[in-house]
Protein backbone atom coordinates (compact mmCIF):
# COMPACT_ATOMS: atom_id res chain seq x y z
CA UNK A 1 0.00 0.00 0.00
CA UNK A 2 1.32 3.45 -0.90
CA UNK A 3 0.83 5.99 1.87
CA UNK A 4 -0.32 9.51 1.07
CA UNK A 5 2.39 12.13 1.45
CA UNK A 6 1.26 14.61 4.11
CA UNK A 7 2.76 18.07 4.35
CA UNK A 8 1.30 18.75 7.82
CA UNK A 9 -0.30 16.55 10.48
CA UNK A 10 -1.93 17.33 13.80
CA UNK A 11 -2.58 14.64 16.39
CA UNK A 12 -4.58 15.24 19.56
CA UNK A 13 -4.50 13.60 22.96
CA UNK A 14 -7.96 12.53 24.22
CA UNK A 15 -8.24 12.66 28.02
CA UNK A 16 -8.42 16.26 29.28
CA UNK A 17 -7.57 17.51 25.80
CA UNK A 18 -10.67 16.63 23.79
CA UNK A 19 -12.98 16.84 26.83
CA UNK A 20 -12.92 17.91 30.48
CA UNK A 21 -11.54 14.86 32.29
CA UNK A 22 -12.28 16.46 35.66
CA UNK A 23 -16.06 16.41 35.25
CA UNK A 24 -16.67 12.64 35.51
CA UNK A 25 -14.24 12.55 38.45
CA UNK A 26 -16.01 15.37 40.25
CA UNK A 27 -19.44 13.88 39.59
CA UNK A 28 -18.43 10.43 40.84
CA UNK A 29 -16.85 11.79 44.03
CA UNK A 30 -19.92 13.89 44.79
CA UNK A 31 -22.39 11.10 44.06
CA UNK A 32 -20.65 8.26 45.93
CA UNK A 33 -18.92 10.10 48.78
CA UNK A 34 -21.33 13.03 49.20
CA UNK A 35 -18.55 15.63 48.96
CA UNK A 36 -19.55 19.28 48.78
CA UNK A 37 -18.20 22.18 46.75
CA UNK A 38 -15.46 22.92 49.28
CA UNK A 39 -13.56 19.74 48.40
CA UNK A 40 -10.44 20.39 46.23
CA UNK A 41 -11.65 18.38 43.24
CA UNK A 42 -8.99 19.55 40.81
CA UNK A 43 -6.16 18.64 43.21
CA UNK A 44 -7.73 15.22 43.78
CA UNK A 45 -8.14 14.75 40.04
CA UNK A 46 -4.41 15.32 39.50
CA UNK A 47 -3.52 12.78 42.20
CA UNK A 48 -5.96 10.19 40.85
CA UNK A 49 -4.42 10.66 37.42
CA UNK A 50 -0.93 10.42 38.92
CA UNK A 51 -1.70 7.07 40.55
CA UNK A 52 -3.44 5.84 37.42
CA UNK A 53 -0.28 6.52 35.40
CA UNK A 54 2.01 5.15 38.14
CA UNK A 55 0.13 1.91 38.72
CA UNK A 56 -0.42 1.36 35.00
CA UNK A 57 3.28 1.83 34.28
CA UNK A 58 4.30 -0.50 37.11
CA UNK A 59 1.93 -3.17 35.83
CA UNK A 60 2.73 -2.64 32.16
CA UNK A 61 -0.96 -2.03 31.52
CA UNK A 62 -0.57 0.67 28.87
CA UNK A 63 1.51 -1.39 26.44
CA UNK A 64 -0.86 -4.31 26.01
CA UNK A 65 -4.43 -5.52 26.48
CA UNK A 66 -4.61 -6.05 30.26
CA UNK A 67 -6.80 -8.66 31.90
CA UNK A 68 -10.13 -7.50 33.30
CA UNK A 69 -9.16 -8.28 36.89
CA UNK A 70 -5.79 -6.50 36.85
CA UNK A 71 -7.25 -3.45 35.13
CA UNK A 72 -10.09 -3.23 37.65
CA UNK A 73 -7.63 -3.62 40.54
CA UNK A 74 -5.53 -0.71 39.26
CA UNK A 75 -8.57 1.51 38.80
CA UNK A 76 -9.85 0.87 42.33
CA UNK A 77 -6.42 1.21 43.95
CA UNK A 78 -5.83 4.61 42.33
CA UNK A 79 -8.90 5.99 44.10
CA UNK A 80 -7.87 4.45 47.43
CA UNK A 81 -4.33 5.85 47.24
CA UNK A 82 -5.34 9.29 45.97
CA UNK A 83 -8.10 9.85 48.50
CA UNK A 84 -5.79 8.88 51.37
CA UNK A 85 -3.88 12.07 50.59
CA UNK A 86 -7.05 14.05 51.29
CA UNK A 87 -7.79 12.35 54.59
CA UNK A 88 -10.36 9.90 53.25
CA UNK A 89 -9.73 6.20 53.95
CA UNK A 90 -11.91 4.46 51.38
CA UNK A 91 -13.01 0.90 51.84
CA UNK A 92 -12.52 -1.38 48.85
CA UNK A 93 -16.31 -1.45 48.41
CA UNK A 94 -16.51 2.36 48.35
CA UNK A 95 -13.69 2.59 45.85
CA UNK A 96 -15.36 -0.07 43.69
CA UNK A 97 -18.61 1.91 43.61
CA UNK A 98 -16.65 5.08 42.92
CA UNK A 99 -14.93 3.45 39.93
CA UNK A 100 -18.26 2.16 38.57
CA UNK A 101 -19.84 5.61 38.82
CA UNK A 102 -16.80 7.25 37.26
CA UNK A 103 -16.81 4.78 34.36
CA UNK A 104 -20.49 5.39 33.70
CA UNK A 105 -19.88 9.13 33.55
CA UNK A 106 -16.86 8.63 31.26
CA UNK A 107 -19.20 7.43 28.53
CA UNK A 108 -21.43 10.52 28.81
CA UNK A 109 -18.74 13.08 28.03
CA UNK A 110 -18.92 15.97 25.58
CA UNK A 111 -16.07 17.66 23.67
CA UNK A 112 -14.60 21.00 24.62
CA UNK A 113 -16.23 23.88 22.77
CA UNK A 114 -14.57 24.31 19.40
CA UNK A 115 -12.69 20.99 19.44
CA UNK A 116 -14.57 19.19 16.67
CA UNK A 117 -14.87 22.35 14.60
CA UNK A 118 -11.09 22.78 14.72
CA UNK A 119 -10.53 19.19 13.62
CA UNK A 120 -12.89 19.66 10.68
CA UNK A 121 -11.24 22.91 9.62
CA UNK A 122 -7.75 21.42 9.90
CA UNK A 123 -8.78 18.54 7.65
CA UNK A 124 -10.24 21.01 5.16
CA UNK A 125 -6.94 22.90 5.25
CA UNK A 126 -5.10 19.75 4.17
CA UNK A 127 -3.85 18.43 7.49
CA UNK A 128 -3.86 14.79 8.47
CA UNK A 129 -5.89 14.83 11.70
CA UNK A 130 -5.44 12.03 14.22
CA UNK A 131 -5.50 10.91 17.84
CA UNK A 132 -2.82 9.43 20.10
CA UNK A 133 -4.01 8.33 23.53
CA UNK A 134 -2.87 6.12 26.38
CA UNK A 135 -5.06 3.34 27.72
CA UNK A 136 -6.70 0.00 26.93
CA UNK A 137 -7.99 -0.05 23.37
CA UNK A 138 -11.67 -0.76 23.98
CA UNK A 139 -11.93 1.71 26.86
CA UNK A 140 -10.44 4.54 24.83
CA UNK A 141 -12.57 3.65 21.81
CA UNK A 142 -15.69 3.94 23.99
CA UNK A 143 -14.68 7.50 24.85
CA UNK A 144 -13.84 8.34 21.24
CA UNK A 145 -17.32 7.12 20.23
CA UNK A 146 -18.97 9.03 23.08
CA UNK A 147 -17.29 12.19 21.78
CA UNK A 148 -18.25 11.27 18.17
CA UNK A 149 -14.65 11.88 17.10
CA UNK A 150 -14.83 9.13 14.50
CA UNK A 151 -16.71 11.62 12.31
CA UNK A 152 -13.50 13.66 12.04
CA UNK A 153 -10.73 11.08 12.42
CA UNK A 154 -10.25 8.05 10.20
CA UNK A 155 -9.85 4.74 12.11
CA UNK A 156 -6.36 4.29 10.70
CA UNK A 157 -5.37 7.63 12.27
CA UNK A 158 -6.45 6.64 15.81
CA UNK A 159 -3.54 5.33 17.88
CA UNK A 160 -4.19 3.82 21.31
CA UNK A 161 -1.25 2.68 23.42
CA UNK A 162 -2.83 -0.63 24.36
CA UNK A 163 -3.01 -1.55 20.68
CA UNK A 164 0.22 0.09 19.49
CA UNK A 165 2.43 -1.53 22.14
CA UNK A 166 4.06 1.68 23.37
CA UNK A 167 2.65 4.35 25.68
CA UNK A 168 3.38 8.06 26.07
CA UNK A 169 5.84 9.45 27.06
CA UNK A 170 7.81 6.73 25.27
CA UNK A 171 8.84 8.41 21.99
CA UNK A 172 8.44 5.08 20.21
CA UNK A 173 4.68 5.52 20.07
CA UNK A 174 5.19 8.72 18.06
CA UNK A 175 7.73 6.99 15.83
CA UNK A 176 5.21 4.19 15.26
CA UNK A 177 2.61 6.77 14.23
CA UNK A 178 5.07 8.28 11.74
CA UNK A 179 5.77 4.85 10.31
CA UNK A 180 2.13 3.87 9.97
CA UNK A 181 0.94 7.17 8.48
CA UNK A 182 3.90 7.87 6.22
CA UNK A 183 4.61 11.17 7.97
CA UNK A 184 7.88 12.65 9.15
CA UNK A 185 8.38 13.98 12.66
CA UNK A 186 9.20 17.46 11.39
CA UNK A 187 5.72 17.93 9.88
CA UNK A 188 3.82 16.61 12.91
CA UNK A 189 2.17 18.64 15.64
CA UNK A 190 0.89 17.15 18.87
CA UNK A 191 -1.73 18.80 21.09
CA UNK A 192 -1.98 17.53 24.66
CA UNK A 193 -2.54 18.65 28.23
CA UNK A 194 -0.02 16.48 30.10
CA UNK A 195 3.49 17.84 30.52
CA UNK A 196 4.95 14.42 31.31
CA UNK A 197 3.15 12.38 28.66
CA UNK A 198 2.56 14.90 25.89
CA UNK A 199 5.17 17.66 26.01
CA UNK A 200 8.04 15.38 27.03
CA UNK A 201 6.94 12.41 24.91
CA UNK A 202 6.24 14.19 21.63
CA UNK A 203 9.15 16.63 21.82
CA UNK A 204 11.52 13.72 22.54
CA UNK A 205 10.31 12.18 19.27
CA UNK A 206 11.12 15.36 17.34
CA UNK A 207 7.51 16.55 17.05
CA UNK A 208 6.32 20.11 17.60
CA UNK A 209 4.11 20.24 20.69
CA UNK A 210 1.29 22.60 21.55
CA UNK A 211 0.67 22.34 25.28
CA UNK A 212 -3.06 22.62 25.91
CA UNK A 213 -2.64 24.06 29.38
CA UNK A 214 -6.25 24.92 30.17
CA UNK A 215 -5.65 24.17 33.88
CA UNK A 216 -2.81 26.72 34.11
CA UNK A 217 -0.35 24.12 35.40
CA UNK A 218 3.34 24.84 35.92
CA UNK A 219 5.92 23.10 33.67
CA UNK A 220 7.26 19.98 35.37
CA UNK A 221 10.78 20.05 33.91
CA UNK A 222 13.17 22.42 32.21
CA UNK A 223 14.68 19.89 29.80
CA UNK A 224 11.73 20.09 27.42
CA UNK A 225 9.62 22.96 26.18
CA UNK A 226 6.50 23.13 24.01
CA UNK A 227 6.49 24.97 20.69
CA UNK A 228 3.54 26.94 22.00
CA UNK A 229 0.99 27.01 24.82
CA UNK A 230 -2.77 27.51 24.59
CA UNK A 231 -5.50 27.71 27.23
CA UNK A 232 -8.49 27.35 24.90
CA UNK A 233 -9.49 25.89 21.57
CA UNK A 234 -9.80 29.41 20.25
CA UNK A 235 -6.09 29.88 20.92
CA UNK A 236 -5.27 26.48 19.40
CA UNK A 237 -7.30 27.40 16.30
CA UNK A 238 -5.52 30.73 15.92
CA UNK A 239 -2.13 29.07 16.12
CA UNK A 240 -2.67 25.99 13.98
CA UNK A 241 -4.66 27.57 11.18
CA UNK A 242 -2.23 30.47 10.94
CA UNK A 243 0.59 27.95 10.47
CA UNK A 244 -1.23 26.39 7.52
CA UNK A 245 -1.49 29.67 5.65
C-alpha atoms as a PDB file:
ATOM      1  CA  UNK A   1       0.000   0.000   0.000  1.00  0.00           C
ATOM      2  CA  UNK A   2       1.317   3.446  -0.905  1.00  0.00           C
ATOM      3  CA  UNK A   3       0.834   5.990   1.874  1.00  0.00           C
ATOM      4  CA  UNK A   4      -0.324   9.508   1.067  1.00  0.00           C
ATOM      5  CA  UNK A   5       2.390  12.132   1.452  1.00  0.00           C
ATOM      6  CA  UNK A   6       1.257  14.609   4.110  1.00  0.00           C
ATOM      7  CA  UNK A   7       2.762  18.075   4.352  1.00  0.00           C
ATOM      8  CA  UNK A   8       1.298  18.754   7.815  1.00  0.00           C
ATOM      9  CA  UNK A   9      -0.296  16.551  10.481  1.00  0.00           C
ATOM     10  CA  UNK A  10      -1.933  17.332  13.800  1.00  0.00           C
ATOM     11  CA  UNK A  11      -2.583  14.640  16.389  1.00  0.00           C
ATOM     12  CA  UNK A  12      -4.576  15.241  19.555  1.00  0.00           C
ATOM     13  CA  UNK A  13      -4.505  13.605  22.957  1.00  0.00           C
ATOM     14  CA  UNK A  14      -7.958  12.530  24.218  1.00  0.00           C
ATOM     15  CA  UNK A  15      -8.238  12.662  28.022  1.00  0.00           C
ATOM     16  CA  UNK A  16      -8.420  16.258  29.280  1.00  0.00           C
ATOM     17  CA  UNK A  17      -7.569  17.505  25.801  1.00  0.00           C
ATOM     18  CA  UNK A  18     -10.671  16.625  23.791  1.00  0.00           C
ATOM     19  CA  UNK A  19     -12.982  16.837  26.825  1.00  0.00           C
ATOM     20  CA  UNK A  20     -12.922  17.911  30.481  1.00  0.00           C
ATOM     21  CA  UNK A  21     -11.544  14.864  32.286  1.00  0.00           C
ATOM     22  CA  UNK A  22     -12.281  16.462  35.663  1.00  0.00           C
ATOM     23  CA  UNK A  23     -16.060  16.410  35.252  1.00  0.00           C
ATOM     24  CA  UNK A  24     -16.665  12.643  35.507  1.00  0.00           C
ATOM     25  CA  UNK A  25     -14.236  12.547  38.448  1.00  0.00           C
ATOM     26  CA  UNK A  26     -16.011  15.371  40.251  1.00  0.00           C
ATOM     27  CA  UNK A  27     -19.440  13.877  39.594  1.00  0.00           C
ATOM     28  CA  UNK A  28     -18.434  10.426  40.838  1.00  0.00           C
ATOM     29  CA  UNK A  29     -16.853  11.789  44.031  1.00  0.00           C
ATOM     30  CA  UNK A  30     -19.915  13.887  44.793  1.00  0.00           C
ATOM     31  CA  UNK A  31     -22.389  11.097  44.062  1.00  0.00           C
ATOM     32  CA  UNK A  32     -20.653   8.260  45.928  1.00  0.00           C
ATOM     33  CA  UNK A  33     -18.919  10.103  48.779  1.00  0.00           C
ATOM     34  CA  UNK A  34     -21.328  13.031  49.204  1.00  0.00           C
ATOM     35  CA  UNK A  35     -18.550  15.626  48.959  1.00  0.00           C
ATOM     36  CA  UNK A  36     -19.554  19.284  48.783  1.00  0.00           C
ATOM     37  CA  UNK A  37     -18.199  22.182  46.747  1.00  0.00           C
ATOM     38  CA  UNK A  38     -15.463  22.923  49.284  1.00  0.00           C
ATOM     39  CA  UNK A  39     -13.558  19.743  48.404  1.00  0.00           C
ATOM     40  CA  UNK A  40     -10.439  20.388  46.231  1.00  0.00           C
ATOM     41  CA  UNK A  41     -11.654  18.378  43.237  1.00  0.00           C
ATOM     42  CA  UNK A  42      -8.985  19.550  40.813  1.00  0.00           C
ATOM     43  CA  UNK A  43      -6.162  18.643  43.208  1.00  0.00           C
ATOM     44  CA  UNK A  44      -7.728  15.225  43.784  1.00  0.00           C
ATOM     45  CA  UNK A  45      -8.142  14.753  40.037  1.00  0.00           C
ATOM     46  CA  UNK A  46      -4.415  15.321  39.496  1.00  0.00           C
ATOM     47  CA  UNK A  47      -3.521  12.784  42.200  1.00  0.00           C
ATOM     48  CA  UNK A  48      -5.957  10.189  40.847  1.00  0.00           C
ATOM     49  CA  UNK A  49      -4.419  10.664  37.421  1.00  0.00           C
ATOM     50  CA  UNK A  50      -0.929  10.417  38.924  1.00  0.00           C
ATOM     51  CA  UNK A  51      -1.705   7.069  40.551  1.00  0.00           C
ATOM     52  CA  UNK A  52      -3.437   5.840  37.416  1.00  0.00           C
ATOM     53  CA  UNK A  53      -0.277   6.521  35.402  1.00  0.00           C
ATOM     54  CA  UNK A  54       2.011   5.154  38.141  1.00  0.00           C
ATOM     55  CA  UNK A  55       0.125   1.909  38.719  1.00  0.00           C
ATOM     56  CA  UNK A  56      -0.423   1.365  35.001  1.00  0.00           C
ATOM     57  CA  UNK A  57       3.281   1.829  34.282  1.00  0.00           C
ATOM     58  CA  UNK A  58       4.300  -0.497  37.111  1.00  0.00           C
ATOM     59  CA  UNK A  59       1.933  -3.166  35.832  1.00  0.00           C
ATOM     60  CA  UNK A  60       2.728  -2.638  32.158  1.00  0.00           C
ATOM     61  CA  UNK A  61      -0.963  -2.032  31.518  1.00  0.00           C
ATOM     62  CA  UNK A  62      -0.571   0.674  28.866  1.00  0.00           C
ATOM     63  CA  UNK A  63       1.508  -1.392  26.440  1.00  0.00           C
ATOM     64  CA  UNK A  64      -0.862  -4.314  26.008  1.00  0.00           C
ATOM     65  CA  UNK A  65      -4.427  -5.516  26.476  1.00  0.00           C
ATOM     66  CA  UNK A  66      -4.609  -6.053  30.261  1.00  0.00           C
ATOM     67  CA  UNK A  67      -6.800  -8.658  31.903  1.00  0.00           C
ATOM     68  CA  UNK A  68     -10.127  -7.498  33.296  1.00  0.00           C
ATOM     69  CA  UNK A  69      -9.159  -8.281  36.895  1.00  0.00           C
ATOM     70  CA  UNK A  70      -5.786  -6.499  36.852  1.00  0.00           C
ATOM     71  CA  UNK A  71      -7.251  -3.449  35.133  1.00  0.00           C
ATOM     72  CA  UNK A  72     -10.085  -3.227  37.655  1.00  0.00           C
ATOM     73  CA  UNK A  73      -7.628  -3.624  40.536  1.00  0.00           C
ATOM     74  CA  UNK A  74      -5.525  -0.714  39.261  1.00  0.00           C
ATOM     75  CA  UNK A  75      -8.573   1.508  38.803  1.00  0.00           C
ATOM     76  CA  UNK A  76      -9.846   0.865  42.326  1.00  0.00           C
ATOM     77  CA  UNK A  77      -6.416   1.212  43.953  1.00  0.00           C
ATOM     78  CA  UNK A  78      -5.831   4.614  42.326  1.00  0.00           C
ATOM     79  CA  UNK A  79      -8.900   5.988  44.104  1.00  0.00           C
ATOM     80  CA  UNK A  80      -7.865   4.451  47.435  1.00  0.00           C
ATOM     81  CA  UNK A  81      -4.332   5.851  47.236  1.00  0.00           C
ATOM     82  CA  UNK A  82      -5.338   9.286  45.969  1.00  0.00           C
ATOM     83  CA  UNK A  83      -8.098   9.846  48.504  1.00  0.00           C
ATOM     84  CA  UNK A  84      -5.789   8.877  51.367  1.00  0.00           C
ATOM     85  CA  UNK A  85      -3.879  12.071  50.586  1.00  0.00           C
ATOM     86  CA  UNK A  86      -7.053  14.049  51.288  1.00  0.00           C
ATOM     87  CA  UNK A  87      -7.792  12.354  54.594  1.00  0.00           C
ATOM     88  CA  UNK A  88     -10.356   9.898  53.245  1.00  0.00           C
ATOM     89  CA  UNK A  89      -9.731   6.195  53.952  1.00  0.00           C
ATOM     90  CA  UNK A  90     -11.906   4.457  51.383  1.00  0.00           C
ATOM     91  CA  UNK A  91     -13.015   0.900  51.840  1.00  0.00           C
ATOM     92  CA  UNK A  92     -12.522  -1.376  48.846  1.00  0.00           C
ATOM     93  CA  UNK A  93     -16.309  -1.451  48.409  1.00  0.00           C
ATOM     94  CA  UNK A  94     -16.508   2.363  48.353  1.00  0.00           C
ATOM     95  CA  UNK A  95     -13.685   2.592  45.849  1.00  0.00           C
ATOM     96  CA  UNK A  96     -15.364  -0.067  43.690  1.00  0.00           C
ATOM     97  CA  UNK A  97     -18.611   1.914  43.612  1.00  0.00           C
ATOM     98  CA  UNK A  98     -16.649   5.085  42.919  1.00  0.00           C
ATOM     99  CA  UNK A  99     -14.930   3.455  39.931  1.00  0.00           C
ATOM    100  CA  UNK A 100     -18.256   2.162  38.570  1.00  0.00           C
ATOM    101  CA  UNK A 101     -19.843   5.613  38.815  1.00  0.00           C
ATOM    102  CA  UNK A 102     -16.797   7.255  37.256  1.00  0.00           C
ATOM    103  CA  UNK A 103     -16.811   4.780  34.362  1.00  0.00           C
ATOM    104  CA  UNK A 104     -20.494   5.387  33.704  1.00  0.00           C
ATOM    105  CA  UNK A 105     -19.884   9.130  33.551  1.00  0.00           C
ATOM    106  CA  UNK A 106     -16.862   8.633  31.262  1.00  0.00           C
ATOM    107  CA  UNK A 107     -19.201   7.429  28.532  1.00  0.00           C
ATOM    108  CA  UNK A 108     -21.433  10.522  28.811  1.00  0.00           C
ATOM    109  CA  UNK A 109     -18.740  13.076  28.034  1.00  0.00           C
ATOM    110  CA  UNK A 110     -18.918  15.974  25.577  1.00  0.00           C
ATOM    111  CA  UNK A 111     -16.069  17.663  23.672  1.00  0.00           C
ATOM    112  CA  UNK A 112     -14.596  21.002  24.620  1.00  0.00           C
ATOM    113  CA  UNK A 113     -16.230  23.880  22.772  1.00  0.00           C
ATOM    114  CA  UNK A 114     -14.567  24.308  19.396  1.00  0.00           C
ATOM    115  CA  UNK A 115     -12.694  20.990  19.440  1.00  0.00           C
ATOM    116  CA  UNK A 116     -14.574  19.191  16.674  1.00  0.00           C
ATOM    117  CA  UNK A 117     -14.872  22.347  14.597  1.00  0.00           C
ATOM    118  CA  UNK A 118     -11.092  22.779  14.723  1.00  0.00           C
ATOM    119  CA  UNK A 119     -10.529  19.186  13.623  1.00  0.00           C
ATOM    120  CA  UNK A 120     -12.894  19.662  10.683  1.00  0.00           C
ATOM    121  CA  UNK A 121     -11.236  22.910   9.618  1.00  0.00           C
ATOM    122  CA  UNK A 122      -7.751  21.420   9.901  1.00  0.00           C
ATOM    123  CA  UNK A 123      -8.783  18.538   7.650  1.00  0.00           C
ATOM    124  CA  UNK A 124     -10.243  21.013   5.163  1.00  0.00           C
ATOM    125  CA  UNK A 125      -6.937  22.904   5.247  1.00  0.00           C
ATOM    126  CA  UNK A 126      -5.104  19.745   4.175  1.00  0.00           C
ATOM    127  CA  UNK A 127      -3.848  18.425   7.488  1.00  0.00           C
ATOM    128  CA  UNK A 128      -3.855  14.788   8.466  1.00  0.00           C
ATOM    129  CA  UNK A 129      -5.886  14.832  11.704  1.00  0.00           C
ATOM    130  CA  UNK A 130      -5.437  12.030  14.222  1.00  0.00           C
ATOM    131  CA  UNK A 131      -5.504  10.909  17.843  1.00  0.00           C
ATOM    132  CA  UNK A 132      -2.817   9.429  20.104  1.00  0.00           C
ATOM    133  CA  UNK A 133      -4.007   8.329  23.526  1.00  0.00           C
ATOM    134  CA  UNK A 134      -2.871   6.117  26.382  1.00  0.00           C
ATOM    135  CA  UNK A 135      -5.060   3.336  27.715  1.00  0.00           C
ATOM    136  CA  UNK A 136      -6.702   0.004  26.927  1.00  0.00           C
ATOM    137  CA  UNK A 137      -7.985  -0.048  23.367  1.00  0.00           C
ATOM    138  CA  UNK A 138     -11.667  -0.763  23.980  1.00  0.00           C
ATOM    139  CA  UNK A 139     -11.933   1.709  26.858  1.00  0.00           C
ATOM    140  CA  UNK A 140     -10.438   4.545  24.827  1.00  0.00           C
ATOM    141  CA  UNK A 141     -12.573   3.650  21.808  1.00  0.00           C
ATOM    142  CA  UNK A 142     -15.687   3.937  23.994  1.00  0.00           C
ATOM    143  CA  UNK A 143     -14.682   7.503  24.850  1.00  0.00           C
ATOM    144  CA  UNK A 144     -13.844   8.336  21.237  1.00  0.00           C
ATOM    145  CA  UNK A 145     -17.317   7.124  20.228  1.00  0.00           C
ATOM    146  CA  UNK A 146     -18.975   9.033  23.083  1.00  0.00           C
ATOM    147  CA  UNK A 147     -17.288  12.186  21.780  1.00  0.00           C
ATOM    148  CA  UNK A 148     -18.249  11.268  18.174  1.00  0.00           C
ATOM    149  CA  UNK A 149     -14.649  11.883  17.099  1.00  0.00           C
ATOM    150  CA  UNK A 150     -14.830   9.130  14.504  1.00  0.00           C
ATOM    151  CA  UNK A 151     -16.715  11.619  12.306  1.00  0.00           C
ATOM    152  CA  UNK A 152     -13.503  13.663  12.041  1.00  0.00           C
ATOM    153  CA  UNK A 153     -10.726  11.083  12.416  1.00  0.00           C
ATOM    154  CA  UNK A 154     -10.254   8.046  10.202  1.00  0.00           C
ATOM    155  CA  UNK A 155      -9.854   4.745  12.108  1.00  0.00           C
ATOM    156  CA  UNK A 156      -6.356   4.292  10.700  1.00  0.00           C
ATOM    157  CA  UNK A 157      -5.371   7.626  12.269  1.00  0.00           C
ATOM    158  CA  UNK A 158      -6.448   6.645  15.813  1.00  0.00           C
ATOM    159  CA  UNK A 159      -3.543   5.331  17.876  1.00  0.00           C
ATOM    160  CA  UNK A 160      -4.192   3.818  21.306  1.00  0.00           C
ATOM    161  CA  UNK A 161      -1.248   2.684  23.416  1.00  0.00           C
ATOM    162  CA  UNK A 162      -2.833  -0.635  24.360  1.00  0.00           C
ATOM    163  CA  UNK A 163      -3.015  -1.545  20.677  1.00  0.00           C
ATOM    164  CA  UNK A 164       0.220   0.088  19.487  1.00  0.00           C
ATOM    165  CA  UNK A 165       2.428  -1.527  22.144  1.00  0.00           C
ATOM    166  CA  UNK A 166       4.061   1.682  23.374  1.00  0.00           C
ATOM    167  CA  UNK A 167       2.648   4.351  25.676  1.00  0.00           C
ATOM    168  CA  UNK A 168       3.375   8.057  26.067  1.00  0.00           C
ATOM    169  CA  UNK A 169       5.845   9.448  27.061  1.00  0.00           C
ATOM    170  CA  UNK A 170       7.814   6.727  25.272  1.00  0.00           C
ATOM    171  CA  UNK A 171       8.836   8.409  21.994  1.00  0.00           C
ATOM    172  CA  UNK A 172       8.442   5.083  20.212  1.00  0.00           C
ATOM    173  CA  UNK A 173       4.681   5.519  20.070  1.00  0.00           C
ATOM    174  CA  UNK A 174       5.189   8.717  18.060  1.00  0.00           C
ATOM    175  CA  UNK A 175       7.726   6.985  15.830  1.00  0.00           C
ATOM    176  CA  UNK A 176       5.208   4.193  15.257  1.00  0.00           C
ATOM    177  CA  UNK A 177       2.610   6.773  14.230  1.00  0.00           C
ATOM    178  CA  UNK A 178       5.066   8.281  11.737  1.00  0.00           C
ATOM    179  CA  UNK A 179       5.775   4.846  10.314  1.00  0.00           C
ATOM    180  CA  UNK A 180       2.131   3.868   9.967  1.00  0.00           C
ATOM    181  CA  UNK A 181       0.944   7.166   8.482  1.00  0.00           C
ATOM    182  CA  UNK A 182       3.905   7.866   6.223  1.00  0.00           C
ATOM    183  CA  UNK A 183       4.610  11.166   7.973  1.00  0.00           C
ATOM    184  CA  UNK A 184       7.884  12.650   9.145  1.00  0.00           C
ATOM    185  CA  UNK A 185       8.376  13.983  12.659  1.00  0.00           C
ATOM    186  CA  UNK A 186       9.199  17.456  11.385  1.00  0.00           C
ATOM    187  CA  UNK A 187       5.723  17.928   9.876  1.00  0.00           C
ATOM    188  CA  UNK A 188       3.822  16.610  12.906  1.00  0.00           C
ATOM    189  CA  UNK A 189       2.171  18.643  15.644  1.00  0.00           C
ATOM    190  CA  UNK A 190       0.885  17.149  18.872  1.00  0.00           C
ATOM    191  CA  UNK A 191      -1.729  18.797  21.085  1.00  0.00           C
ATOM    192  CA  UNK A 192      -1.979  17.533  24.656  1.00  0.00           C
ATOM    193  CA  UNK A 193      -2.539  18.649  28.235  1.00  0.00           C
ATOM    194  CA  UNK A 194      -0.021  16.484  30.098  1.00  0.00           C
ATOM    195  CA  UNK A 195       3.494  17.841  30.518  1.00  0.00           C
ATOM    196  CA  UNK A 196       4.951  14.421  31.314  1.00  0.00           C
ATOM    197  CA  UNK A 197       3.151  12.384  28.658  1.00  0.00           C
ATOM    198  CA  UNK A 198       2.556  14.897  25.895  1.00  0.00           C
ATOM    199  CA  UNK A 199       5.169  17.657  26.009  1.00  0.00           C
ATOM    200  CA  UNK A 200       8.037  15.375  27.026  1.00  0.00           C
ATOM    201  CA  UNK A 201       6.943  12.409  24.907  1.00  0.00           C
ATOM    202  CA  UNK A 202       6.245  14.185  21.632  1.00  0.00           C
ATOM    203  CA  UNK A 203       9.151  16.629  21.820  1.00  0.00           C
ATOM    204  CA  UNK A 204      11.519  13.724  22.539  1.00  0.00           C
ATOM    205  CA  UNK A 205      10.306  12.180  19.274  1.00  0.00           C
ATOM    206  CA  UNK A 206      11.125  15.360  17.342  1.00  0.00           C
ATOM    207  CA  UNK A 207       7.514  16.549  17.051  1.00  0.00           C
ATOM    208  CA  UNK A 208       6.315  20.108  17.598  1.00  0.00           C
ATOM    209  CA  UNK A 209       4.115  20.244  20.690  1.00  0.00           C
ATOM    210  CA  UNK A 210       1.292  22.601  21.551  1.00  0.00           C
ATOM    211  CA  UNK A 211       0.673  22.342  25.283  1.00  0.00           C
ATOM    212  CA  UNK A 212      -3.063  22.618  25.912  1.00  0.00           C
ATOM    213  CA  UNK A 213      -2.640  24.059  29.381  1.00  0.00           C
ATOM    214  CA  UNK A 214      -6.250  24.918  30.172  1.00  0.00           C
ATOM    215  CA  UNK A 215      -5.648  24.174  33.875  1.00  0.00           C
ATOM    216  CA  UNK A 216      -2.809  26.723  34.113  1.00  0.00           C
ATOM    217  CA  UNK A 217      -0.347  24.118  35.402  1.00  0.00           C
ATOM    218  CA  UNK A 218       3.340  24.842  35.916  1.00  0.00           C
ATOM    219  CA  UNK A 219       5.915  23.097  33.673  1.00  0.00           C
ATOM    220  CA  UNK A 220       7.261  19.981  35.368  1.00  0.00           C
ATOM    221  CA  UNK A 221      10.779  20.051  33.906  1.00  0.00           C
ATOM    222  CA  UNK A 222      13.175  22.420  32.207  1.00  0.00           C
ATOM    223  CA  UNK A 223      14.683  19.894  29.796  1.00  0.00           C
ATOM    224  CA  UNK A 224      11.732  20.091  27.419  1.00  0.00           C
ATOM    225  CA  UNK A 225       9.622  22.958  26.178  1.00  0.00           C
ATOM    226  CA  UNK A 226       6.503  23.132  24.006  1.00  0.00           C
ATOM    227  CA  UNK A 227       6.494  24.969  20.691  1.00  0.00           C
ATOM    228  CA  UNK A 228       3.540  26.940  22.004  1.00  0.00           C
ATOM    229  CA  UNK A 229       0.995  27.013  24.819  1.00  0.00           C
ATOM    230  CA  UNK A 230      -2.772  27.506  24.590  1.00  0.00           C
ATOM    231  CA  UNK A 231      -5.501  27.709  27.228  1.00  0.00           C
ATOM    232  CA  UNK A 232      -8.488  27.349  24.903  1.00  0.00           C
ATOM    233  CA  UNK A 233      -9.492  25.889  21.572  1.00  0.00           C
ATOM    234  CA  UNK A 234      -9.800  29.409  20.255  1.00  0.00           C
ATOM    235  CA  UNK A 235      -6.087  29.882  20.917  1.00  0.00           C
ATOM    236  CA  UNK A 236      -5.270  26.480  19.396  1.00  0.00           C
ATOM    237  CA  UNK A 237      -7.301  27.398  16.303  1.00  0.00           C
ATOM    238  CA  UNK A 238      -5.523  30.726  15.917  1.00  0.00           C
ATOM    239  CA  UNK A 239      -2.129  29.072  16.122  1.00  0.00           C
ATOM    240  CA  UNK A 240      -2.673  25.994  13.976  1.00  0.00           C
ATOM    241  CA  UNK A 241      -4.662  27.570  11.182  1.00  0.00           C
ATOM    242  CA  UNK A 242      -2.230  30.470  10.937  1.00  0.00           C
ATOM    243  CA  UNK A 243       0.587  27.947  10.474  1.00  0.00           C
ATOM    244  CA  UNK A 244      -1.234  26.390   7.518  1.00  0.00           C
ATOM    245  CA  UNK A 245      -1.490  29.675   5.651  1.00  0.00           C
END
